[in-house]
């Protein structure tokens, strides 16, 4: 997991370790550690993802990237990610709650 500024800086060295099979970007922790606040897949986040992707390619290691939106998914696919997460626990929980509230409101308004 690349979740700190130090790990991002050392991504190539980490990927070069024989015991490491691949790298995955921890988007929320990395964004917070880099002083950007909550992860929003900014241009800076995109640059961080590309740094990790390059380290994986150079060392023939698996790359894992989060893809919470279509831009992030396009980047993950263009960088040849071996695995992609399309959601995280907090996003899935928020989306589920929003859907449940929408359902409740629809039934309440029609009653």
Protein backbone atom coordinates (compact mmCIF):
# COMPACT_ATOMS: atom_id res chain seq x y z
CA UNK A 1 0.00 0.00 0.00
CA UNK A 2 1.35 3.36 -1.01
CA UNK A 3 -0.26 5.60 1.59
CA UNK A 4 2.41 8.08 2.69
CA UNK A 5 4.62 10.65 1.05
CA UNK A 6 7.65 8.55 1.98
CA UNK A 7 6.20 5.44 0.37
CA UNK A 8 5.36 7.40 -2.77
CA UNK A 9 8.90 8.79 -2.90
CA UNK A 10 10.29 5.25 -2.47
CA UNK A 11 7.76 3.50 -4.72
CA UNK A 12 10.40 2.31 -7.16
CA UNK A 13 12.62 0.95 -4.37
CA UNK A 14 9.64 -0.75 -2.73
CA UNK A 15 8.58 -2.30 -6.04
CA UNK A 16 12.12 -3.57 -6.55
CA UNK A 17 11.98 -5.67 -3.37
CA UNK A 18 11.79 -9.39 -4.19
CA UNK A 19 9.16 -9.99 -1.49
CA UNK A 20 6.79 -7.41 -3.02
CA UNK A 21 4.34 -8.73 -5.63
CA UNK A 22 2.73 -5.40 -6.42
CA UNK A 23 1.71 -1.97 -5.24
CA UNK A 24 -1.69 -0.48 -4.52
CA UNK A 25 -2.41 3.19 -3.95
CA UNK A 26 -4.26 3.90 -0.71
CA UNK A 27 -6.02 6.99 -2.09
CA UNK A 28 -7.54 8.51 1.04
CA UNK A 29 -4.50 8.11 3.25
CA UNK A 30 -2.13 9.29 0.51
CA UNK A 31 -4.24 12.35 -0.26
CA UNK A 32 -4.41 13.26 3.42
CA UNK A 33 -0.68 12.63 3.93
CA UNK A 34 0.10 14.91 0.99
CA UNK A 35 -1.96 17.73 2.50
CA UNK A 36 -4.77 17.61 -0.07
CA UNK A 37 -7.58 16.65 2.27
CA UNK A 38 -10.20 14.10 1.32
CA UNK A 39 -9.44 12.11 -1.83
CA UNK A 40 -11.11 13.64 -4.89
CA UNK A 41 -8.90 12.30 -7.72
CA UNK A 42 -7.32 15.66 -8.46
CA UNK A 43 -4.58 16.22 -11.04
CA UNK A 44 -2.06 15.76 -8.20
CA UNK A 45 -3.66 12.43 -7.28
CA UNK A 46 -3.42 11.41 -10.93
CA UNK A 47 0.30 12.24 -10.92
CA UNK A 48 0.75 10.09 -7.80
CA UNK A 49 -1.04 7.19 -9.49
CA UNK A 50 1.23 7.52 -12.52
CA UNK A 51 4.32 7.49 -10.27
CA UNK A 52 3.23 4.20 -8.73
CA UNK A 53 2.30 2.76 -12.14
CA UNK A 54 5.74 3.63 -13.49
CA UNK A 55 7.43 1.94 -10.51
CA UNK A 56 5.39 -1.21 -11.13
CA UNK A 57 6.16 -1.27 -14.86
CA UNK A 58 9.87 -0.74 -14.29
CA UNK A 59 9.98 -3.64 -11.84
CA UNK A 60 7.43 -5.92 -13.53
CA UNK A 61 5.15 -5.87 -10.51
CA UNK A 62 1.37 -5.88 -10.30
CA UNK A 63 -0.38 -2.52 -10.13
CA UNK A 64 -3.56 -1.89 -8.22
CA UNK A 65 -5.43 1.40 -8.50
CA UNK A 66 -8.70 2.71 -7.12
CA UNK A 67 -11.21 3.94 -9.68
CA UNK A 68 -14.07 5.74 -7.95
CA UNK A 69 -15.05 7.62 -11.12
CA UNK A 70 -14.75 7.33 -14.90
CA UNK A 71 -11.59 9.48 -15.11
CA UNK A 72 -9.83 7.31 -12.54
CA UNK A 73 -10.99 4.14 -14.30
CA UNK A 74 -9.69 5.43 -17.64
CA UNK A 75 -6.33 6.15 -16.02
CA UNK A 76 -6.18 2.74 -14.36
CA UNK A 77 -6.90 1.01 -17.66
CA UNK A 78 -4.45 3.17 -19.62
CA UNK A 79 -1.73 2.44 -17.06
CA UNK A 80 -2.39 -1.30 -17.35
CA UNK A 81 -3.58 -1.84 -13.78
CA UNK A 82 -3.76 -5.51 -12.88
CA UNK A 83 -6.59 -4.92 -10.47
CA UNK A 84 -8.93 -2.00 -9.94
CA UNK A 85 -11.28 -1.20 -7.09
CA UNK A 86 -14.44 0.59 -8.16
CA UNK A 87 -15.58 1.58 -4.69
CA UNK A 88 -14.51 1.66 -1.08
CA UNK A 89 -16.38 0.90 2.09
CA UNK A 90 -17.32 4.50 2.91
CA UNK A 91 -18.45 5.30 -0.64
CA UNK A 92 -20.51 2.11 -0.83
CA UNK A 93 -22.10 2.88 2.53
CA UNK A 94 -22.89 6.49 1.53
CA UNK A 95 -24.36 5.42 -1.80
CA UNK A 96 -26.47 2.74 -0.14
CA UNK A 97 -27.80 5.19 2.41
CA UNK A 98 -28.55 7.77 -0.28
CA UNK A 99 -30.47 5.17 -2.27
CA UNK A 100 -32.43 4.13 0.80
CA UNK A 101 -33.27 7.75 1.60
CA UNK A 102 -34.39 8.36 -1.99
CA UNK A 103 -36.63 5.30 -1.80
CA UNK A 104 -38.09 6.48 1.52
CA UNK A 105 -38.70 9.99 0.18
CA UNK A 106 -40.37 8.66 -2.97
CA UNK A 107 -42.78 6.54 -0.93
CA UNK A 108 -43.40 9.29 1.62
CA UNK A 109 -44.22 11.82 -1.11
CA UNK A 110 -46.60 9.42 -2.88
CA UNK A 111 -48.47 8.57 0.32
